[in-house]
Amino acid sequence: MCAARANPHYQDLRNRIDSIITQDFSAATEYATVFEEHRKVYTYGQTWNFEAYSSKKKYVCHLLPTCSCLSSVAERAHCTSDID
């Protein structure tokens, strides 16, 4: 064993550094879980194709049911999702 590694001061510093690194990685792992609920949005954004979207006809009736506050409006308007 190297003389420096046998030094109690070195061992104390090494233990404190190891502890801080372990705590930081633990905190980073916990922080990263916050983003898990947004993974679907990220994945959708990565696979969404603007050209395919823009080539289709759009109807307001298709958008109304996606908004819970407007779904009753869509029902009253007799909107159906089978319009292409």
Protein backbone atom coordinates (compact mmCIF):
# COMPACT_ATOMS: atom_id res chain seq x y z
CA MET A 1 0.00 0.00 0.00
CA CYS A 2 1.23 3.47 -0.86
CA ALA A 3 2.18 5.64 2.10
CA ALA A 4 -0.33 8.32 1.07
CA ARG A 5 -3.18 5.79 1.07
CA ALA A 6 -2.26 4.73 4.58
CA ASN A 7 -2.59 8.31 5.77
CA PRO A 8 -5.81 8.78 7.84
CA HIS A 9 -6.35 12.24 6.30
CA TYR A 10 -6.23 10.73 2.79
CA GLN A 11 -8.66 7.98 3.78
CA ASP A 12 -11.04 10.52 5.32
CA LEU A 13 -10.95 12.68 2.18
CA ARG A 14 -11.43 9.63 -0.04
CA ASN A 15 -14.45 8.48 2.00
CA ARG A 16 -16.01 11.95 1.90
CA ILE A 17 -15.50 12.22 -1.86
CA ASP A 18 -17.02 8.76 -2.39
CA SER A 19 -19.97 9.71 -0.20
CA ILE A 20 -20.60 12.96 -2.07
CA ILE A 21 -20.42 11.23 -5.46
CA THR A 22 -22.81 8.52 -4.30
CA GLN A 23 -25.26 11.12 -2.94
CA ASP A 24 -25.07 13.17 -6.15
CA PHE A 25 -25.76 10.16 -8.36
CA SER A 26 -28.64 9.18 -6.13
CA ALA A 27 -30.10 12.69 -6.35
CA ALA A 28 -29.62 12.73 -10.13
CA THR A 29 -31.38 9.38 -10.48
CA GLU A 30 -34.32 10.62 -8.42
CA TYR A 31 -34.47 13.87 -10.43
CA ALA A 32 -34.49 11.95 -13.72
CA THR A 33 -37.64 10.08 -12.68
CA VAL A 34 -39.52 13.39 -12.87
CA PHE A 35 -39.21 13.27 -16.65
CA GLU A 36 -40.58 9.75 -17.03
CA GLU A 37 -44.15 10.99 -17.16
CA HIS A 38 -43.20 13.11 -20.19
CA ARG A 39 -41.62 10.24 -22.14
CA LYS A 40 -44.80 9.69 -24.21
CA VAL A 41 -44.77 13.31 -25.35
CA TYR A 42 -41.07 13.11 -26.22
CA THR A 43 -41.50 9.85 -28.12
CA TYR A 44 -44.49 11.21 -30.01
CA GLY A 45 -42.48 14.30 -30.94
CA GLN A 46 -39.64 12.15 -32.24
CA THR A 47 -41.91 10.05 -34.45
CA TRP A 48 -44.43 12.69 -35.58
CA ASN A 49 -44.33 13.31 -39.31
CA PHE A 50 -45.27 16.82 -40.36
CA GLU A 51 -45.56 15.91 -44.05
CA ALA A 52 -48.00 13.07 -43.31
CA TYR A 53 -50.01 15.34 -41.01
CA SER A 54 -50.13 18.22 -43.47
CA SER A 55 -51.23 15.96 -46.34
CA LYS A 56 -54.46 14.96 -44.55
CA LYS A 57 -57.63 17.02 -44.52
CA LYS A 58 -58.42 18.44 -41.11
CA TYR A 59 -61.83 18.84 -39.54
CA VAL A 60 -62.69 20.66 -36.35
CA CYS A 61 -64.77 17.64 -35.36
CA HIS A 62 -61.57 15.62 -35.08
CA LEU A 63 -60.13 18.08 -32.60
CA LEU A 64 -63.17 18.58 -30.39
CA PRO A 65 -63.24 15.12 -28.75
CA THR A 66 -59.57 15.44 -27.78
CA CYS A 67 -60.36 18.35 -25.49
CA SER A 68 -62.43 17.21 -22.53
CA CYS A 69 -63.94 20.67 -22.15
CA LEU A 70 -65.23 20.52 -25.74
CA SER A 71 -66.27 16.86 -26.01
CA SER A 72 -69.89 17.73 -25.25
CA VAL A 73 -69.80 20.29 -28.07
CA ALA A 74 -68.64 17.56 -30.43
CA GLU A 75 -71.46 15.29 -29.32
CA ARG A 76 -74.05 18.03 -29.88
CA ALA A 77 -72.58 18.73 -33.30
CA HIS A 78 -72.88 15.03 -34.15
CA CYS A 79 -69.22 14.89 -35.00
CA THR A 80 -67.82 11.50 -35.78
CA SER A 81 -64.23 10.35 -35.90
CA ASP A 82 -64.67 8.44 -39.15
CA ILE A 83 -64.32 11.51 -41.36
CA ASP A 84 -61.17 11.17 -43.48
